[in-house]
């Protein structure tokens, strides 16, 4: 932890002009710019040429989470509007199962206009699903330091996923200063999104198209998938005076036995986004704990990896332990939770390269990039700024080869 304490957060600030923040995506996903960084050198290209920069038989690990319509608006009888931004279920860890729940559920939420909503007060919203009239009730249960507990109840046997799809809106990031439009339902979602649960998109993967996948396949470049449900905390700026005081949000993630097996045989590995990279690294440390403690703990705390970094256990050895555990317990999928915060000084165990967009100043995502390629992150971002790359969620992409 000593190196972490020494981190000066002011060194991870840069001036991002508002004109470079992408408010809308490009018409063609794979026509975005691609910055390639390797061995200290930078090259510019377009994303649909990504496969030409990857070695044959490499594997890209992608996050197949699906963004849910996490924003709900309720109008009070007095005319005031209350916005509920759902974050995660109160108790259940497997969000996939929770999304199929019917009639009643409690979630942790952010509230817009909370001062206008009294505890225990009921809000109503009506709509139609498949020709069925549905009444959705939201009850304010209690307030916590960083969230509210809200109970949702609806008078039909439609799943919560169906309710959100009809009554909710896609949650665009806070730095996109516009309302979500109909096209965002498609464009703020990867083309391979499968498992509902995220309140933010794994944006590095928004650039992938069927055409890119076809070219990858022709070059014998493989894909594997993990699932990390991205939380709203991914946009949380670091406001504390030092990084140690910053509280990293926890996120649910999972991997199937089939995909774990693919990752085990992959070489080299490319992480298709920061969420995929954090999942891979979290899997490693959970495997290390399993080997060391001889029991499976499915949760990785914020700084836990740094206390384990002296371990000589390799990435594949760690994943083999997880694989054997799943086989023994006859599990087809492993469900876990991570608060891993990756900052300079962290020792990566999994991926050789990272595909990622360009991130906000003084953010945990920027710290992750700095940990991955060292101080050359400054060179990369200076180049992107000078060459009018588009930044943040709907922005351009980069391929960064790890600097050890």
Protein backbone atom coordinates (compact mmCIF):
# COMPACT_ATOMS: atom_id res chain seq x y z
CA UNK A 1 0.00 0.00 0.00
CA UNK A 2 3.00 2.32 0.37
CA UNK A 3 3.19 3.17 -3.36
CA UNK A 4 -0.56 3.83 -3.43
CA UNK A 5 -0.30 6.35 -0.60
CA UNK A 6 2.37 8.25 -2.56
CA UNK A 7 0.08 8.80 -5.57
CA UNK A 8 -0.46 12.51 -6.25
CA UNK A 9 -3.95 12.80 -7.73
CA UNK A 10 -3.15 16.19 -9.26
CA UNK A 11 -0.85 14.33 -11.68
CA UNK A 12 -3.93 12.71 -13.21
CA UNK A 13 -5.66 15.90 -14.20
CA UNK A 14 -5.75 17.32 -17.71
CA UNK A 15 -7.86 19.91 -19.49
CA UNK A 16 -10.65 18.28 -21.49
CA UNK A 17 -12.41 20.75 -23.80
CA UNK A 18 -16.16 20.33 -23.88
CA UNK A 19 -15.98 20.27 -27.68
CA UNK A 20 -14.17 16.91 -27.54
CA UNK A 21 -16.80 15.19 -25.40
CA UNK A 22 -18.90 13.08 -27.75
CA UNK A 23 -22.61 13.75 -27.16
CA UNK A 24 -23.69 11.40 -29.94
CA UNK A 25 -22.16 8.26 -31.44
CA UNK A 26 -20.95 8.05 -35.01
CA UNK A 27 -23.37 6.58 -37.54
CA UNK A 28 -21.09 3.59 -38.07
CA UNK A 29 -19.79 2.13 -34.82
CA UNK A 30 -16.52 0.87 -36.26
CA UNK A 31 -15.63 4.11 -38.08
CA UNK A 32 -14.34 5.70 -34.87
CA UNK A 33 -10.67 6.59 -34.59
CA UNK A 34 -8.32 4.03 -33.10
CA UNK A 35 -5.12 5.11 -31.34
CA UNK A 36 -2.57 2.30 -31.17
CA UNK A 37 0.07 2.51 -28.43
CA UNK A 38 2.92 -0.03 -28.29
CA UNK A 39 6.49 0.15 -27.02
CA UNK A 40 6.21 3.90 -26.51
CA UNK A 41 5.05 4.53 -30.08
CA UNK A 42 1.68 5.91 -31.20
CA UNK A 43 -0.13 5.24 -34.47
CA UNK A 44 -3.52 6.47 -35.73
CA UNK A 45 -6.08 4.39 -37.59
CA UNK A 46 -9.79 3.50 -37.59
CA UNK A 47 -11.46 0.89 -35.42
CA UNK A 48 -12.52 -1.42 -38.25
CA UNK A 49 -8.80 -2.04 -38.83
CA UNK A 50 -8.38 -3.32 -35.24
CA UNK A 51 -7.86 -6.97 -36.32
CA UNK A 52 -4.76 -6.04 -38.34
CA UNK A 53 -3.03 -4.98 -35.10
CA UNK A 54 -3.73 -8.20 -33.21
CA UNK A 55 -1.68 -11.40 -33.34
CA UNK A 56 -3.28 -14.55 -34.70
CA UNK A 57 -4.81 -16.88 -32.13
CA UNK A 58 -5.11 -14.11 -29.56
CA UNK A 59 -8.33 -13.83 -27.54
CA UNK A 60 -10.39 -10.73 -26.84
CA UNK A 61 -12.37 -10.91 -23.58
CA UNK A 62 -15.56 -8.85 -23.78
CA UNK A 63 -18.22 -7.86 -21.26
CA UNK A 64 -21.65 -9.11 -22.41
CA UNK A 65 -23.69 -7.18 -19.86
CA UNK A 66 -26.82 -5.38 -21.08
CA UNK A 67 -27.77 -1.86 -20.04
CA UNK A 68 -31.18 -1.67 -18.40
CA UNK A 69 -33.62 1.25 -18.58
CA UNK A 70 -32.51 2.41 -15.14
CA UNK A 71 -34.13 5.85 -15.01
CA UNK A 72 -37.75 6.09 -13.87
CA UNK A 73 -39.72 9.33 -13.65
CA UNK A 74 -42.77 9.67 -11.39
CA UNK A 75 -45.03 12.71 -11.24
CA UNK A 76 -46.49 13.60 -7.86
CA UNK A 77 -50.16 14.67 -7.60
CA UNK A 78 -48.86 18.18 -6.86
CA UNK A 79 -47.03 18.22 -10.20
CA UNK A 80 -43.46 17.74 -9.00
CA UNK A 81 -41.31 15.14 -10.75
CA UNK A 82 -39.23 12.57 -8.89
CA UNK A 83 -36.43 10.76 -10.76
CA UNK A 84 -35.42 7.32 -9.52
CA UNK A 85 -32.13 5.92 -10.79
CA UNK A 86 -31.93 2.27 -9.85
CA UNK A 87 -28.49 0.99 -8.89
CA UNK A 88 -28.64 -2.61 -7.71
CA UNK A 89 -30.96 -5.00 -5.85
CA UNK A 90 -31.00 -4.61 -2.08
CA UNK A 91 -30.05 -8.19 -1.26
CA UNK A 92 -29.80 -10.50 -4.26
CA UNK A 93 -26.42 -10.87 -5.93
CA UNK A 94 -27.48 -12.54 -9.16
CA UNK A 95 -28.98 -9.59 -10.99
CA UNK A 96 -29.99 -11.83 -13.89
CA UNK A 97 -32.42 -13.69 -11.65
CA UNK A 98 -33.63 -10.49 -10.02
CA UNK A 99 -34.58 -9.01 -13.38
CA UNK A 100 -37.05 -11.89 -13.83
CA UNK A 101 -38.71 -11.26 -10.49
CA UNK A 102 -42.38 -10.29 -10.53
CA UNK A 103 -44.73 -8.09 -8.50
CA UNK A 104 -42.38 -6.71 -5.79
CA UNK A 105 -38.70 -5.90 -5.26
CA UNK A 106 -36.45 -3.51 -3.31
CA UNK A 107 -33.51 -1.69 -4.93
CA UNK A 108 -30.77 0.70 -3.91
CA UNK A 109 -31.35 3.92 -5.86
CA UNK A 110 -30.31 7.52 -6.42
CA UNK A 111 -33.17 10.01 -6.15
CA UNK A 112 -33.56 13.27 -8.02
CA UNK A 113 -35.83 15.62 -6.11
CA UNK A 114 -35.61 13.57 -2.91
CA UNK A 115 -36.50 16.57 -0.75
CA UNK A 116 -39.99 16.51 -2.33
CA UNK A 117 -40.57 12.85 -1.43
CA UNK A 118 -41.50 11.91 2.12
CA UNK A 119 -40.50 8.55 3.65
CA UNK A 120 -43.17 5.85 3.14
CA UNK A 121 -44.93 8.07 0.55
CA UNK A 122 -46.22 6.14 -2.45
CA UNK A 123 -45.71 7.26 -6.05
CA UNK A 124 -47.69 5.82 -8.98
CA UNK A 125 -46.93 5.36 -12.66
CA UNK A 126 -49.24 3.68 -15.18
CA UNK A 127 -48.42 2.23 -18.60
CA UNK A 128 -49.29 -0.64 -20.93
CA UNK A 129 -47.25 -3.80 -21.54
CA UNK A 130 -48.46 -6.10 -24.32
CA UNK A 131 -52.01 -4.69 -24.13
CA UNK A 132 -52.06 -5.08 -20.33
CA UNK A 133 -52.60 -2.02 -18.13
CA UNK A 134 -49.91 -1.94 -15.42
CA UNK A 135 -49.68 0.24 -12.32
CA UNK A 136 -46.19 0.61 -10.85
CA UNK A 137 -45.83 1.80 -7.27
CA UNK A 138 -42.64 3.19 -5.75
CA UNK A 139 -42.37 3.52 -1.98
CA UNK A 140 -39.57 5.43 -0.22
CA UNK A 141 -38.32 3.03 2.47
CA UNK A 142 -35.22 4.64 3.95
CA UNK A 143 -32.23 6.87 3.29
CA UNK A 144 -28.57 5.85 3.54
CA UNK A 145 -25.39 7.88 3.16
CA UNK A 146 -24.94 7.19 -0.55
CA UNK A 147 -28.30 5.77 -1.68
CA UNK A 148 -31.98 5.29 -0.92
CA UNK A 149 -33.90 2.05 -0.49
CA UNK A 150 -36.97 2.03 -2.73
CA UNK A 151 -39.61 -0.68 -2.93
CA UNK A 152 -41.25 -1.28 -6.30
CA UNK A 153 -44.56 -3.10 -6.63
CA UNK A 154 -46.65 -3.74 -9.72
CA UNK A 155 -50.00 -5.43 -10.29
CA UNK A 156 -49.11 -7.88 -13.06
CA UNK A 157 -46.97 -10.95 -13.61
CA UNK A 158 -44.61 -9.14 -15.96
CA UNK A 159 -40.95 -9.34 -14.98
CA UNK A 160 -39.09 -6.36 -13.58
CA UNK A 161 -37.06 -6.30 -16.82
CA UNK A 162 -40.29 -5.91 -18.82
CA UNK A 163 -41.48 -3.18 -16.47
CA UNK A 164 -38.25 -1.23 -16.86
CA UNK A 165 -38.19 -1.66 -20.63
CA UNK A 166 -41.60 -0.02 -20.90
CA UNK A 167 -41.55 2.48 -18.05
CA UNK A 168 -37.86 3.39 -17.83
CA UNK A 169 -35.29 5.26 -19.89
CA UNK A 170 -31.73 4.43 -20.93
CA UNK A 171 -29.35 6.09 -18.42
CA UNK A 172 -26.87 8.18 -20.38
CA UNK A 173 -23.72 9.26 -18.49
CA UNK A 174 -23.94 12.55 -16.55
CA UNK A 175 -21.41 14.28 -18.82
CA UNK A 176 -23.72 13.87 -21.82
CA UNK A 177 -25.83 16.97 -21.39
CA UNK A 178 -28.92 15.92 -23.29
CA UNK A 179 -31.95 13.73 -22.82
CA UNK A 180 -31.88 10.16 -24.05
CA UNK A 181 -33.51 9.65 -27.43
CA UNK A 182 -34.97 6.56 -29.08
CA UNK A 183 -31.72 5.74 -30.91
CA UNK A 184 -29.80 5.55 -27.62
CA UNK A 185 -31.66 2.33 -26.80
CA UNK A 186 -29.62 0.75 -29.62
CA UNK A 187 -26.45 2.83 -29.77
CA UNK A 188 -25.76 2.80 -26.00
CA UNK A 189 -25.68 -1.00 -26.08
CA UNK A 190 -23.11 -3.42 -27.46
CA UNK A 191 -24.31 -5.61 -30.33
CA UNK A 192 -23.60 -8.72 -28.22
CA UNK A 193 -25.29 -7.49 -25.00
CA UNK A 194 -26.95 -10.46 -23.39
CA UNK A 195 -27.31 -10.32 -19.60
CA UNK A 196 -29.38 -7.47 -18.17
CA UNK A 197 -28.03 -5.57 -15.19
CA UNK A 198 -25.81 -2.57 -16.06
CA UNK A 199 -26.71 1.07 -15.52
CA UNK A 200 -23.84 2.12 -17.81
CA UNK A 201 -22.50 0.58 -20.99
CA UNK A 202 -19.10 -1.12 -21.31
CA UNK A 203 -18.26 1.59 -23.81
CA UNK A 204 -15.02 0.21 -25.27
CA UNK A 205 -17.11 -2.55 -26.82
CA UNK A 206 -19.61 -0.18 -28.46
CA UNK A 207 -17.24 0.02 -31.45
CA UNK A 208 -17.50 -3.68 -32.31
CA UNK A 209 -19.66 -4.60 -35.33
CA UNK A 210 -20.52 -7.80 -37.14
CA UNK A 211 -17.99 -6.78 -39.77
CA UNK A 212 -15.22 -6.50 -37.18
CA UNK A 213 -16.13 -9.90 -35.73
CA UNK A 214 -16.06 -11.47 -39.20
CA UNK A 215 -12.56 -10.08 -39.81
CA UNK A 216 -11.40 -11.26 -36.38
CA UNK A 217 -12.69 -14.73 -37.15
CA UNK A 218 -10.94 -14.78 -40.54
CA UNK A 219 -7.67 -13.99 -38.77
CA UNK A 220 -8.25 -16.73 -36.17
CA UNK A 221 -8.67 -14.23 -33.36
CA UNK A 222 -11.05 -15.58 -30.74
CA UNK A 223 -13.55 -14.02 -28.36
CA UNK A 224 -14.57 -14.97 -24.86
CA UNK A 225 -17.08 -13.31 -22.56
CA UNK A 226 -17.42 -12.31 -18.95
CA UNK A 227 -20.25 -10.38 -17.35
CA UNK A 228 -19.70 -7.36 -15.13
CA UNK A 229 -22.77 -5.25 -14.40
CA UNK A 230 -21.45 -1.70 -14.56
CA UNK A 231 -22.61 0.52 -11.71
CA UNK A 232 -23.15 4.28 -11.63
CA UNK A 233 -20.02 4.53 -9.49
CA UNK A 234 -17.95 4.21 -12.66
CA UNK A 235 -18.66 7.94 -13.18
CA UNK A 236 -17.86 8.89 -9.59
CA UNK A 237 -15.01 11.43 -9.59
CA UNK A 238 -12.21 11.17 -7.06
CA UNK A 239 -12.92 14.05 -4.70
CA UNK A 240 -10.93 12.83 -1.71
CA UNK A 241 -7.51 14.40 -0.97
CA UNK A 242 -5.80 11.05 -1.50
CA UNK A 243 -6.64 7.84 -3.34
CA UNK A 244 -6.70 5.72 -0.18
CA UNK A 245 -9.72 7.69 1.07
CA UNK A 246 -11.70 7.12 -2.13
CA UNK A 247 -14.39 4.47 -1.75
CA UNK A 248 -14.64 2.26 -4.84
CA UNK A 249 -18.11 1.05 -5.78
CA UNK A 250 -18.78 -2.70 -5.71
CA UNK A 251 -20.05 -4.45 -8.84
CA UNK A 252 -21.48 -7.89 -9.53
CA UNK A 253 -19.73 -10.05 -12.10
CA UNK A 254 -19.82 -13.62 -13.35
CA UNK A 255 -18.17 -16.05 -15.72
CA UNK A 256 -19.51 -19.28 -17.18
CA UNK A 257 -17.55 -22.51 -17.07
CA UNK A 258 -17.31 -22.47 -20.86
CA UNK A 259 -15.83 -18.98 -21.01
CA UNK A 260 -13.50 -19.66 -18.08
CA UNK A 261 -12.13 -22.62 -20.03
CA UNK A 262 -11.60 -20.41 -23.10
CA UNK A 263 -9.72 -17.80 -21.06
CA UNK A 264 -7.55 -20.52 -19.53
CA UNK A 265 -6.26 -21.56 -22.95
CA UNK A 266 -5.98 -18.01 -24.34
CA UNK A 267 -2.64 -16.45 -25.19
CA UNK A 268 -2.23 -13.57 -25.56
CA UNK A 269 -5.28 -12.05 -23.87
CA UNK A 270 -6.73 -8.67 -24.81
CA UNK A 271 -9.22 -7.02 -22.50
CA UNK A 272 -12.10 -5.48 -24.43
CA UNK A 273 -12.64 -2.61 -21.99
CA UNK A 274 -11.79 -1.65 -18.43
CA UNK A 275 -14.70 -3.68 -17.06
CA UNK A 276 -13.39 -6.83 -18.75
CA UNK A 277 -9.91 -6.12 -17.39
CA UNK A 278 -11.16 -5.60 -13.83
CA UNK A 279 -13.15 -8.84 -14.12
CA UNK A 280 -10.12 -10.81 -15.30
CA UNK A 281 -7.95 -9.40 -12.54
CA UNK A 282 -10.65 -10.00 -9.92
CA UNK A 283 -10.97 -13.62 -11.04
CA UNK A 284 -7.24 -14.04 -10.58
CA UNK A 285 -7.26 -12.76 -7.01
CA UNK A 286 -10.33 -14.80 -6.07
CA UNK A 287 -8.46 -17.85 -7.36
CA UNK A 288 -5.40 -16.89 -5.32
CA UNK A 289 -7.55 -16.63 -2.19
CA UNK A 290 -9.12 -20.00 -2.97
CA UNK A 291 -5.68 -21.64 -3.20
CA UNK A 292 -4.36 -19.92 -0.08
CA UNK A 293 -7.42 -20.40 2.14
CA UNK A 294 -8.80 -23.63 0.68
CA UNK A 295 -12.31 -22.17 0.47
CA UNK A 296 -14.06 -19.92 -2.03
CA UNK A 297 -14.76 -16.32 -1.08
CA UNK A 298 -16.71 -14.69 -3.92
CA UNK A 299 -15.98 -11.09 -2.91
CA UNK A 300 -12.86 -9.02 -3.60
CA UNK A 301 -12.44 -5.86 -1.52
CA UNK A 302 -11.00 -2.58 -2.80
CA UNK A 303 -7.38 -2.99 -1.64
CA UNK A 304 -7.28 -6.75 -1.11
CA UNK A 305 -5.27 -7.46 -4.27
CA UNK A 306 -2.42 -5.24 -3.10
CA UNK A 307 -2.01 -7.32 0.04
CA UNK A 308 -1.83 -10.44 -2.17
CA UNK A 309 0.59 -9.09 -4.79
CA UNK A 310 3.57 -10.96 -3.37
CA UNK A 311 1.86 -14.22 -4.28
CA UNK A 312 3.79 -16.34 -6.81
CA UNK A 313 0.57 -17.93 -8.10
CA UNK A 314 0.25 -17.41 -11.86
CA UNK A 315 -2.91 -16.32 -13.67
CA UNK A 316 -3.61 -19.70 -15.26
CA UNK A 317 -2.91 -21.55 -12.01
CA UNK A 318 -5.39 -19.30 -10.26
CA UNK A 319 -8.08 -19.83 -12.92
CA UNK A 320 -7.47 -23.58 -12.84
CA UNK A 321 -8.31 -23.51 -9.13
CA UNK A 322 -11.59 -21.75 -9.95
CA UNK A 323 -12.27 -24.24 -12.72
CA UNK A 324 -11.73 -27.20 -10.36
CA UNK A 325 -13.94 -25.57 -7.73
CA UNK A 326 -16.75 -25.15 -10.28
CA UNK A 327 -16.42 -28.74 -11.40
CA UNK A 328 -16.46 -30.00 -7.82
CA UNK A 329 -19.54 -27.92 -6.95
CA UNK A 330 -21.14 -28.65 -10.34
CA UNK A 331 -21.50 -24.95 -11.11
CA UNK A 332 -22.09 -23.75 -14.67
CA UNK A 333 -21.50 -20.11 -13.70
CA UNK A 334 -19.55 -18.37 -10.97
CA UNK A 335 -21.20 -15.29 -9.42
CA UNK A 336 -18.92 -12.83 -7.66
CA UNK A 337 -18.54 -9.23 -6.50
CA UNK A 338 -15.58 -6.87 -6.79
CA UNK A 339 -14.52 -3.46 -5.54
CA UNK A 340 -11.03 -3.74 -7.03
CA UNK A 341 -9.47 -0.31 -7.59
CA UNK A 342 -6.53 -0.43 -10.01
CA UNK A 343 -4.02 2.38 -9.63
CA UNK A 344 -0.35 2.90 -10.57
CA UNK A 345 1.73 0.36 -8.66
CA UNK A 346 -0.73 -2.45 -9.36
CA UNK A 347 0.77 -5.61 -10.90
CA UNK A 348 -1.38 -6.97 -13.74
CA UNK A 349 -1.72 -10.72 -14.08
CA UNK A 350 -4.09 -11.29 -17.02
CA UNK A 351 -4.25 -9.14 -20.16
CA UNK A 352 -1.43 -8.12 -22.49
CA UNK A 353 -3.42 -5.35 -24.15
CA UNK A 354 -6.42 -3.16 -23.40
CA UNK A 355 -9.03 -1.75 -25.79
CA UNK A 356 -10.56 1.33 -24.19
CA UNK A 357 -12.03 4.78 -24.80
CA UNK A 358 -10.59 8.02 -23.42
CA UNK A 359 -11.58 8.77 -19.85
CA UNK A 360 -12.29 11.74 -17.61
CA UNK A 361 -9.53 13.58 -15.76
CA UNK A 362 -8.95 12.44 -12.16
CA UNK A 363 -11.08 9.32 -12.61
CA UNK A 364 -10.54 5.75 -11.47
CA UNK A 365 -10.60 4.69 -15.14
CA UNK A 366 -7.75 7.04 -15.99
CA UNK A 367 -5.77 5.67 -13.03
CA UNK A 368 -6.30 2.17 -14.43
CA UNK A 369 -4.91 3.25 -17.82
CA UNK A 370 -1.93 4.87 -16.09
CA UNK A 371 -1.30 1.64 -14.20
CA UNK A 372 -1.43 -0.31 -17.46
CA UNK A 373 0.93 1.77 -19.63
CA UNK A 374 2.76 3.86 -17.05
CA UNK A 375 3.45 7.57 -17.41
CA UNK A 376 3.09 7.27 -21.17
CA UNK A 377 -0.61 7.78 -20.56
CA UNK A 378 0.26 11.50 -20.70
CA UNK A 379 1.79 11.07 -24.16
CA UNK A 380 -1.27 9.10 -25.33
CA UNK A 381 -3.79 11.65 -24.03
CA UNK A 382 -1.79 14.62 -25.34
CA UNK A 383 -1.80 12.98 -28.77
CA UNK A 384 -5.55 12.32 -28.59
CA UNK A 385 -6.27 15.91 -27.54
CA UNK A 386 -4.08 17.45 -30.24
CA UNK A 387 -5.57 15.22 -32.93
CA UNK A 388 -9.21 15.88 -32.02
CA UNK A 389 -10.09 12.43 -30.78
CA UNK A 390 -13.61 12.21 -29.38
CA UNK A 391 -13.64 11.49 -25.63
CA UNK A 392 -15.72 9.48 -23.13
CA UNK A 393 -18.57 7.01 -23.66
CA UNK A 394 -19.57 7.81 -27.24
CA UNK A 395 -16.01 8.75 -28.17
CA UNK A 396 -13.11 7.15 -30.03
CA UNK A 397 -11.05 4.13 -29.04
CA UNK A 398 -7.51 3.05 -28.29
CA UNK A 399 -5.49 -0.17 -28.29
CA UNK A 400 -2.93 -0.04 -25.51
CA UNK A 401 -0.23 -2.70 -25.14
CA UNK A 402 0.84 -3.19 -21.54
CA UNK A 403 4.01 -1.61 -20.29
CA UNK A 404 5.52 -3.72 -17.50
